[in-house]
Amino acid sequence: MIQLSILKITQYGPWTLTLGSDREHELQMLQASLYKEIHKLFSEKNCMVFLNRADEFFVVSNGLNLDDHIQIQKSLEKSFDVGLTASIGYGDSPFEANLKAHEGKQNNVILDKEHDVFGSVYSESDSQVSMMHLDVDDLASTRKTNSPYEISAIIFELYSKMSKFFLEKKSLTFFMGGDNFMVVANEDAKKSVQDFIIMIKDNDKITLNCGIGNASNGRGAAKLATKSLDTIRQIRDSGKEKPEVYELSC
């Protein structure tokens, strides 16, 4: 079972208009500062945060109860002028947890009215999180024939294909910067990742590596996924034939 918390800036559109037309630089600084603080507060509780459209944040929040969410909301309210809602949901797949969190907010299932927390919290102790960390193998060689902007276009096209592929597997993909992606995954996604790697290699001539991590919380799973990816690189650098997928659990 996986738990997701979705934090969203409230009344963002109307509020931005109060800043006048010369506002975009201020909004970008606000979003960056907010992302940094949300990541700090949740990572201290062994969660993993993903940026979604800049005004919204997805948190793999296994292990967090309602009081934990309220304390984080209080801290954010002290630091920022904008309001935030937190919608919590859980399910057998990341996509189902996302739907439950969304439905909790849409149906006004209030957990804490004062701090705008909605949805439902998973109270059992048998939580399990799987993360997949994918990157492009030898992107450096691409820089010899493509400009930085062209490389970005290639990466974003890859992101689009990856998002669509794993959404069909009820899993959620996030771009982490550079040539790195993380998928909040279920068993179906993990079983099909090799198929995705082959498809991208055949159709786009891009080679991917994938590290998989399994743990009881988001930060632990992300750590093991990255450690798995590092292991693939170490095997490659040693001169041995590297696997394209490597998995670790704790």
C-alpha atoms as a PDB file:
ATOM      1  CA  MET A   1       0.000   0.000   0.000  1.00  0.00           C
ATOM      2  CA  ILE A   2       1.318   3.439  -0.918  1.00  0.00           C
ATOM      3  CA  GLN A   3       0.286   6.813   0.490  1.00  0.00           C
ATOM      4  CA  LEU A   4       0.492  10.053  -1.477  1.00  0.00           C
ATOM      5  CA  SER A   5      -0.001  13.599  -0.274  1.00  0.00           C
ATOM      6  CA  ILE A   6      -0.684  16.293  -2.861  1.00  0.00           C
ATOM      7  CA  LEU A   7       0.099  19.873  -1.810  1.00  0.00           C
ATOM      8  CA  LYS A   8      -1.264  22.674  -3.958  1.00  0.00           C
ATOM      9  CA  ILE A   9      -1.060  26.459  -3.774  1.00  0.00           C
ATOM     10  CA  THR A  10      -4.580  27.813  -3.289  1.00  0.00           C
ATOM     11  CA  GLN A  11      -6.067  30.770  -5.162  1.00  0.00           C
ATOM     12  CA  TYR A  12      -2.793  31.056  -7.043  1.00  0.00           C
ATOM     13  CA  GLY A  13      -4.198  32.608 -10.222  1.00  0.00           C
ATOM     14  CA  PRO A  14      -6.056  35.501  -8.570  1.00  0.00           C
ATOM     15  CA  TRP A  15      -3.156  36.129  -6.167  1.00  0.00           C
ATOM     16  CA  THR A  16      -0.587  36.384  -8.962  1.00  0.00           C
ATOM     17  CA  LEU A  17      -2.633  39.167 -10.597  1.00  0.00           C
ATOM     18  CA  THR A  18      -2.158  41.330  -7.501  1.00  0.00           C
ATOM     19  CA  LEU A  19       1.584  41.438  -8.258  1.00  0.00           C
ATOM     20  CA  GLY A  20       1.104  43.289 -11.539  1.00  0.00           C
ATOM     21  CA  SER A  21       2.576  42.381 -14.906  1.00  0.00           C
ATOM     22  CA  ASP A  22       6.210  42.455 -13.773  1.00  0.00           C
ATOM     23  CA  ARG A  23       5.705  39.358 -11.639  1.00  0.00           C
ATOM     24  CA  GLU A  24       7.149  36.319 -13.366  1.00  0.00           C
ATOM     25  CA  HIS A  25      10.581  36.523 -11.737  1.00  0.00           C
ATOM     26  CA  GLU A  26       8.933  36.777  -8.310  1.00  0.00           C
ATOM     27  CA  LEU A  27       6.721  33.763  -8.987  1.00  0.00           C
ATOM     28  CA  GLN A  28       9.669  31.652 -10.083  1.00  0.00           C
ATOM     29  CA  MET A  29      11.597  32.558  -6.925  1.00  0.00           C
ATOM     30  CA  LEU A  30       8.556  31.783  -4.770  1.00  0.00           C
ATOM     31  CA  GLN A  31       8.011  28.394  -6.401  1.00  0.00           C
ATOM     32  CA  ALA A  32      11.683  27.482  -6.032  1.00  0.00           C
ATOM     33  CA  SER A  33      11.763  28.552  -2.373  1.00  0.00           C
ATOM     34  CA  LEU A  34       8.533  26.710  -1.616  1.00  0.00           C
ATOM     35  CA  TYR A  35       9.791  23.519  -3.279  1.00  0.00           C
ATOM     36  CA  LYS A  36      12.997  23.692  -1.267  1.00  0.00           C
ATOM     37  CA  GLU A  37      11.169  24.106   2.047  1.00  0.00           C
ATOM     38  CA  ILE A  38       8.579  21.404   1.314  1.00  0.00           C
ATOM     39  CA  HIS A  39      11.366  19.001   0.345  1.00  0.00           C
ATOM     40  CA  LYS A  40      13.263  19.835   3.543  1.00  0.00           C
ATOM     41  CA  LEU A  41      10.292  19.321   5.858  1.00  0.00           C
ATOM     42  CA  PHE A  42       9.098  16.076   4.296  1.00  0.00           C
ATOM     43  CA  SER A  43      12.539  14.525   3.750  1.00  0.00           C
ATOM     44  CA  GLU A  44      13.205  14.965   7.464  1.00  0.00           C
ATOM     45  CA  LYS A  45      10.301  12.530   7.930  1.00  0.00           C
ATOM     46  CA  ASN A  46      11.652  10.059   5.338  1.00  0.00           C
ATOM     47  CA  CYS A  47       9.293  11.146   2.562  1.00  0.00           C
ATOM     48  CA  MET A  48      10.093  11.956  -1.066  1.00  0.00           C
ATOM     49  CA  VAL A  49       8.748  15.069  -2.812  1.00  0.00           C
ATOM     50  CA  PHE A  50       8.211  15.556  -6.534  1.00  0.00           C
ATOM     51  CA  LEU A  51       7.496  18.839  -8.290  1.00  0.00           C
ATOM     52  CA  ASN A  52       4.335  18.800 -10.401  1.00  0.00           C
ATOM     53  CA  ARG A  53       3.602  21.845 -12.581  1.00  0.00           C
ATOM     54  CA  ALA A  54       5.495  24.106 -10.115  1.00  0.00           C
ATOM     55  CA  ASP A  55       2.372  25.082  -8.135  1.00  0.00           C
ATOM     56  CA  GLU A  56       1.711  21.505  -6.986  1.00  0.00           C
ATOM     57  CA  PHE A  57       3.806  18.935  -5.142  1.00  0.00           C
ATOM     58  CA  PHE A  58       3.447  15.152  -4.884  1.00  0.00           C
ATOM     59  CA  VAL A  59       4.762  13.552  -1.688  1.00  0.00           C
ATOM     60  CA  VAL A  60       5.287   9.831  -1.148  1.00  0.00           C
ATOM     61  CA  SER A  61       4.221  10.074   2.473  1.00  0.00           C
ATOM     62  CA  ASN A  62       4.119   6.501   3.802  1.00  0.00           C
ATOM     63  CA  GLY A  63       4.491   6.529   7.561  1.00  0.00           C
ATOM     64  CA  LEU A  64       3.089  10.040   8.078  1.00  0.00           C
ATOM     65  CA  ASN A  65      -0.079  10.530  10.110  1.00  0.00           C
ATOM     66  CA  LEU A  66      -2.458  13.483  10.230  1.00  0.00           C
ATOM     67  CA  ASP A  67      -0.524  15.285  12.977  1.00  0.00           C
ATOM     68  CA  ASP A  68       2.661  15.100  10.890  1.00  0.00           C
ATOM     69  CA  HIS A  69       0.870  16.776   7.986  1.00  0.00           C
ATOM     70  CA  ILE A  70      -0.603  19.467  10.242  1.00  0.00           C
ATOM     71  CA  GLN A  71       2.803  20.318  11.704  1.00  0.00           C
ATOM     72  CA  ILE A  72       4.275  20.694   8.214  1.00  0.00           C
ATOM     73  CA  GLN A  73       1.340  22.849   7.144  1.00  0.00           C
ATOM     74  CA  LYS A  74       1.866  25.075  10.187  1.00  0.00           C
ATOM     75  CA  SER A  75       5.535  25.489   9.381  1.00  0.00           C
ATOM     76  CA  LEU A  76       4.804  26.388   5.749  1.00  0.00           C
ATOM     77  CA  GLU A  77       2.131  28.895   6.780  1.00  0.00           C
ATOM     78  CA  LYS A  78       4.671  30.719   8.922  1.00  0.00           C
ATOM     79  CA  SER A  79       7.209  30.919   6.094  1.00  0.00           C
ATOM     80  CA  PHE A  80       5.030  31.814   3.095  1.00  0.00           C
ATOM     81  CA  ASP A  81       2.179  34.204   2.393  1.00  0.00           C
ATOM     82  CA  VAL A  82       0.391  31.830   0.007  1.00  0.00           C
ATOM     83  CA  GLY A  83      -2.006  29.156   1.219  1.00  0.00           C
ATOM     84  CA  LEU A  84      -1.572  25.415   0.627  1.00  0.00           C
ATOM     85  CA  THR A  85      -4.012  22.533   0.712  1.00  0.00           C
ATOM     86  CA  ALA A  86      -2.874  18.995   1.479  1.00  0.00           C
ATOM     87  CA  SER A  87      -4.854  16.072   0.041  1.00  0.00           C
ATOM     88  CA  ILE A  88      -3.941  12.578   1.255  1.00  0.00           C
ATOM     89  CA  GLY A  89      -4.822   9.264  -0.341  1.00  0.00           C
ATOM     90  CA  TYR A  90      -3.617   5.686  -0.445  1.00  0.00           C
ATOM     91  CA  GLY A  91      -4.016   2.684  -2.691  1.00  0.00           C
ATOM     92  CA  ASP A  92      -2.515  -0.481  -4.098  1.00  0.00           C
ATOM     93  CA  SER A  93      -0.922   1.545  -6.917  1.00  0.00           C
ATOM     94  CA  PRO A  94       0.529   5.062  -7.041  1.00  0.00           C
ATOM     95  CA  PHE A  95      -2.161   6.130  -9.512  1.00  0.00           C
ATOM     96  CA  GLU A  96      -4.932   4.845  -7.248  1.00  0.00           C
ATOM     97  CA  ALA A  97      -3.422   6.763  -4.308  1.00  0.00           C
ATOM     98  CA  ASN A  98      -3.349   9.866  -6.513  1.00  0.00           C
ATOM     99  CA  LEU A  99      -7.046   9.388  -7.360  1.00  0.00           C
ATOM    100  CA  LYS A 100      -8.009   8.915  -3.710  1.00  0.00           C
ATOM    101  CA  ALA A 101      -6.169  12.091  -2.715  1.00  0.00           C
ATOM    102  CA  HIS A 102      -7.846  13.995  -5.553  1.00  0.00           C
ATOM    103  CA  GLU A 103     -11.293  12.631  -4.672  1.00  0.00           C
ATOM    104  CA  GLY A 104     -10.805  13.536  -1.021  1.00  0.00           C
ATOM    105  CA  LYS A 105     -10.292  17.176  -1.985  1.00  0.00           C
ATOM    106  CA  GLN A 106     -13.037  17.205  -4.640  1.00  0.00           C
ATOM    107  CA  ASN A 107     -15.564  15.650  -2.239  1.00  0.00           C
ATOM    108  CA  ASN A 108     -14.495  17.903   0.636  1.00  0.00           C
ATOM    109  CA  VAL A 109     -13.493  15.059   2.950  1.00  0.00           C
ATOM    110  CA  ILE A 110     -11.966  17.265   5.644  1.00  0.00           C
ATOM    111  CA  LEU A 111      -9.328  15.913   8.008  1.00  0.00           C
ATOM    112  CA  ASP A 112      -8.346  19.290   9.447  1.00  0.00           C
ATOM    113  CA  LYS A 113     -10.291  22.405   8.433  1.00  0.00           C
ATOM    114  CA  GLU A 114      -7.954  24.972   9.984  1.00  0.00           C
ATOM    115  CA  HIS A 115      -4.949  23.781   7.989  1.00  0.00           C
ATOM    116  CA  ASP A 116      -6.775  22.622   4.846  1.00  0.00           C
ATOM    117  CA  VAL A 117      -5.981  18.904   5.042  1.00  0.00           C
ATOM    118  CA  PHE A 118      -8.278  16.552   3.114  1.00  0.00           C
ATOM    119  CA  GLY A 119      -8.638  12.865   2.244  1.00  0.00           C
ATOM    120  CA  SER A 120      -7.702   9.813   4.288  1.00  0.00           C
ATOM    121  CA  VAL A 121      -4.556   8.544   6.012  1.00  0.00           C
ATOM    122  CA  TYR A 122      -3.223   4.987   5.823  1.00  0.00           C
ATOM    123  CA  SER A 123      -2.855   3.895   9.441  1.00  0.00           C
ATOM    124  CA  GLU A 124      -1.489   0.361   8.979  1.00  0.00           C
ATOM    125  CA  SER A 125       2.220  -0.460   9.297  1.00  0.00           C
ATOM    126  CA  ASP A 126       2.634  -2.710   6.241  1.00  0.00           C
ATOM    127  CA  SER A 127       3.456   0.059   3.772  1.00  0.00           C
ATOM    128  CA  GLN A 128       5.707  -0.667   0.818  1.00  0.00           C
ATOM    129  CA  VAL A 129       7.176   1.842  -1.631  1.00  0.00           C
ATOM    130  CA  SER A 130       8.895   1.036  -4.920  1.00  0.00           C
ATOM    131  CA  MET A 131      10.866   3.632  -6.866  1.00  0.00           C
ATOM    132  CA  MET A 132      12.591   3.367 -10.217  1.00  0.00           C
ATOM    133  CA  HIS A 133      15.441   5.776 -11.045  1.00  0.00           C
ATOM    134  CA  LEU A 134      16.137   5.959 -14.767  1.00  0.00           C
ATOM    135  CA  ASP A 135      18.820   7.887 -16.616  1.00  0.00           C
ATOM    136  CA  VAL A 136      20.222   8.106 -20.136  1.00  0.00           C
ATOM    137  CA  ASP A 137      23.400   6.118 -20.645  1.00  0.00           C
ATOM    138  CA  ASP A 138      26.256   8.226 -22.080  1.00  0.00           C
ATOM    139  CA  LEU A 139      24.356  11.454 -22.661  1.00  0.00           C
ATOM    140  CA  ALA A 140      27.753  13.166 -22.972  1.00  0.00           C
ATOM    141  CA  SER A 141      28.200  11.749 -26.472  1.00  0.00           C
ATOM    142  CA  THR A 142      24.957  13.448 -27.549  1.00  0.00           C
ATOM    143  CA  ARG A 143      26.409  16.831 -26.641  1.00  0.00           C
ATOM    144  CA  LYS A 144      28.959  16.450 -29.426  1.00  0.00           C
ATOM    145  CA  THR A 145      26.266  16.660 -32.111  1.00  0.00           C
ATOM    146  CA  ASN A 146      23.409  18.530 -30.384  1.00  0.00           C
ATOM    147  CA  SER A 147      23.120  21.929 -28.720  1.00  0.00           C
ATOM    148  CA  PRO A 148      21.891  22.189 -25.109  1.00  0.00           C
ATOM    149  CA  TYR A 149      18.387  23.169 -26.209  1.00  0.00           C
ATOM    150  CA  GLU A 150      18.176  20.275 -28.671  1.00  0.00           C
ATOM    151  CA  ILE A 151      19.175  17.898 -25.892  1.00  0.00           C
ATOM    152  CA  SER A 152      16.408  19.324 -23.708  1.00  0.00           C
ATOM    153  CA  ALA A 153      13.901  18.663 -26.496  1.00  0.00           C
ATOM    154  CA  ILE A 154      15.079  15.038 -26.667  1.00  0.00           C
ATOM    155  CA  ILE A 155      14.815  14.642 -22.883  1.00  0.00           C
ATOM    156  CA  PHE A 156      11.313  16.134 -22.685  1.00  0.00           C
ATOM    157  CA  GLU A 157      10.100  13.917 -25.518  1.00  0.00           C
ATOM    158  CA  LEU A 158      11.491  10.952 -23.597  1.00  0.00           C
ATOM    159  CA  TYR A 159       9.713  12.186 -20.461  1.00  0.00           C
ATOM    160  CA  SER A 160       6.427  12.322 -22.348  1.00  0.00           C
ATOM    161  CA  LYS A 161       6.812   8.747 -23.590  1.00  0.00           C
ATOM    162  CA  MET A 162       7.895   7.512 -20.167  1.00  0.00           C
ATOM    163  CA  SER A 163       4.966   9.228 -18.414  1.00  0.00           C
ATOM    164  CA  LYS A 164       2.434   7.740 -20.816  1.00  0.00           C
ATOM    165  CA  PHE A 165       3.936   4.234 -20.692  1.00  0.00           C
ATOM    166  CA  PHE A 166       4.030   3.989 -16.900  1.00  0.00           C
ATOM    167  CA  LEU A 167       0.704   5.739 -16.361  1.00  0.00           C
ATOM    168  CA  GLU A 168      -0.818   2.798 -18.221  1.00  0.00           C
ATOM    169  CA  LYS A 169       0.843   0.651 -15.537  1.00  0.00           C
ATOM    170  CA  LYS A 170      -0.797   2.790 -12.794  1.00  0.00           C
ATOM    171  CA  SER A 171       2.550   4.373 -11.884  1.00  0.00           C
ATOM    172  CA  LEU A 172       3.684   8.007 -11.785  1.00  0.00           C
ATOM    173  CA  THR A 173       6.756   9.447 -13.543  1.00  0.00           C
ATOM    174  CA  PHE A 174       8.588  12.633 -12.560  1.00  0.00           C
ATOM    175  CA  PHE A 175      11.458  14.488 -14.248  1.00  0.00           C
ATOM    176  CA  MET A 176      14.290  15.075 -11.780  1.00  0.00           C
ATOM    177  CA  GLY A 177      16.517  17.313 -13.910  1.00  0.00           C
ATOM    178  CA  GLY A 178      19.403  16.578 -16.246  1.00  0.00           C
ATOM    179  CA  ASP A 179      18.696  13.180 -17.775  1.00  0.00           C
ATOM    180  CA  ASN A 180      17.162  11.690 -14.621  1.00  0.00           C
ATOM    181  CA  PHE A 181      13.635  10.438 -14.009  1.00  0.00           C
ATOM    182  CA  MET A 182      11.948   8.744 -11.070  1.00  0.00           C
ATOM    183  CA  VAL A 183       8.905   6.525 -11.281  1.00  0.00           C
ATOM    184  CA  VAL A 184       6.772   5.871  -8.213  1.00  0.00           C
ATOM    185  CA  ALA A 185       6.096   2.297  -9.207  1.00  0.00           C
ATOM    186  CA  ASN A 186       4.064  -0.816  -8.583  1.00  0.00           C
ATOM    187  CA  GLU A 187       4.877  -4.419  -9.494  1.00  0.00           C
ATOM    188  CA  ASP A 188       3.434  -4.047 -12.991  1.00  0.00           C
ATOM    189  CA  ALA A 189       5.718  -1.099 -13.725  1.00  0.00           C
ATOM    190  CA  LYS A 190       8.789  -2.913 -12.416  1.00  0.00           C
ATOM    191  CA  LYS A 191       8.037  -5.984 -14.503  1.00  0.00           C
ATOM    192  CA  SER A 192       7.594  -3.894 -17.663  1.00  0.00           C
ATOM    193  CA  VAL A 193      10.547  -1.507 -17.341  1.00  0.00           C
ATOM    194  CA  GLN A 194      12.802  -3.755 -19.426  1.00  0.00           C
ATOM    195  CA  ASP A 195      10.201  -3.643 -22.209  1.00  0.00           C
ATOM    196  CA  PHE A 196      10.227   0.157 -22.053  1.00  0.00           C
ATOM    197  CA  ILE A 197      14.022   0.269 -22.210  1.00  0.00           C
ATOM    198  CA  ILE A 198      14.023  -1.971 -25.289  1.00  0.00           C
ATOM    199  CA  MET A 199      11.288   0.099 -26.950  1.00  0.00           C
ATOM    200  CA  ILE A 200      13.192   3.364 -26.451  1.00  0.00           C
ATOM    201  CA  LYS A 201      16.444   1.797 -27.643  1.00  0.00           C
ATOM    202  CA  ASP A 202      14.803   0.436 -30.805  1.00  0.00           C
ATOM    203  CA  ASN A 203      12.699   3.488 -31.672  1.00  0.00           C
ATOM    204  CA  ASP A 204      14.790   6.405 -30.418  1.00  0.00           C
ATOM    205  CA  LYS A 205      18.320   4.986 -30.251  1.00  0.00           C
ATOM    206  CA  ILE A 206      18.519   5.998 -26.591  1.00  0.00           C
ATOM    207  CA  THR A 207      19.973   3.616 -24.012  1.00  0.00           C
ATOM    208  CA  LEU A 208      18.523   3.781 -20.516  1.00  0.00           C
ATOM    209  CA  ASN A 209      19.651   2.439 -17.171  1.00  0.00           C
ATOM    210  CA  CYS A 210      17.146   1.723 -14.384  1.00  0.00           C
ATOM    211  CA  GLY A 211      17.800   1.303 -10.683  1.00  0.00           C
ATOM    212  CA  ILE A 212      14.930  -0.011  -8.555  1.00  0.00           C
ATOM    213  CA  GLY A 213      14.548   0.436  -4.812  1.00  0.00           C
ATOM    214  CA  ASN A 214      11.987  -1.028  -2.401  1.00  0.00           C
ATOM    215  CA  ALA A 215      11.524   0.198   1.158  1.00  0.00           C
ATOM    216  CA  SER A 216       8.892   1.119   3.736  1.00  0.00           C
ATOM    217  CA  ASN A 217       9.058   4.852   2.956  1.00  0.00           C
ATOM    218  CA  GLY A 218       9.664   7.164   0.010  1.00  0.00           C
ATOM    219  CA  ARG A 219      13.108   8.422   0.940  1.00  0.00           C
ATOM    220  CA  GLY A 220      14.366   4.905   1.619  1.00  0.00           C
ATOM    221  CA  ALA A 221      13.047   3.621  -1.708  1.00  0.00           C
ATOM    222  CA  ALA A 222      14.588   6.556  -3.591  1.00  0.00           C
ATOM    223  CA  LYS A 223      17.919   5.947  -1.857  1.00  0.00           C
ATOM    224  CA  LEU A 224      17.959   2.292  -2.878  1.00  0.00           C
ATOM    225  CA  ALA A 225      16.850   3.104  -6.426  1.00  0.00           C
ATOM    226  CA  THR A 226      19.763   5.526  -6.772  1.00  0.00           C
ATOM    227  CA  LYS A 227      22.137   3.037  -5.166  1.00  0.00           C
ATOM    228  CA  SER A 228      20.970   0.462  -7.730  1.00  0.00           C
ATOM    229  CA  LEU A 229      21.626   2.936 -10.528  1.00  0.00           C
ATOM    230  CA  ASP A 230      25.094   3.647  -9.113  1.00  0.00           C
ATOM    231  CA  THR A 231      25.740  -0.113  -9.053  1.00  0.00           C
ATOM    232  CA  ILE A 232      24.939  -0.333 -12.777  1.00  0.00           C
ATOM    233  CA  ARG A 233      27.472   2.441 -13.450  1.00  0.00           C
ATOM    234  CA  GLN A 234      30.098   0.706 -11.307  1.00  0.00           C
ATOM    235  CA  ILE A 235      29.636  -2.553 -13.203  1.00  0.00           C
ATOM    236  CA  ARG A 236      29.902  -0.656 -16.515  1.00  0.00           C
ATOM    237  CA  ASP A 237      33.040   1.190 -15.429  1.00  0.00           C
ATOM    238  CA  SER A 238      34.670  -2.041 -14.299  1.00  0.00           C
ATOM    239  CA  GLY A 239      34.574  -3.292 -17.874  1.00  0.00           C
ATOM    240  CA  LYS A 240      32.010  -5.991 -17.212  1.00  0.00           C
ATOM    241  CA  GLU A 241      28.757  -6.307 -19.144  1.00  0.00           C
ATOM    242  CA  LYS A 242      26.324  -4.092 -17.300  1.00  0.00           C
ATOM    243  CA  PRO A 243      22.702  -4.917 -16.573  1.00  0.00           C
ATOM    244  CA  GLU A 244      20.141  -2.373 -17.747  1.00  0.00           C
ATOM    245  CA  VAL A 245      18.018  -2.952 -14.632  1.00  0.00           C
ATOM    246  CA  TYR A 246      19.212  -3.545 -11.065  1.00  0.00           C
ATOM    247  CA  GLU A 247      17.042  -3.858  -7.942  1.00  0.00           C
ATOM    248  CA  LEU A 248      17.664  -3.515  -4.205  1.00  0.00           C
ATOM    249  CA  SER A 249      15.317  -3.941  -1.245  1.00  0.00           C
ATOM    250  CA  CYS A 250      15.519  -3.472   2.488  1.00  0.00           C
END
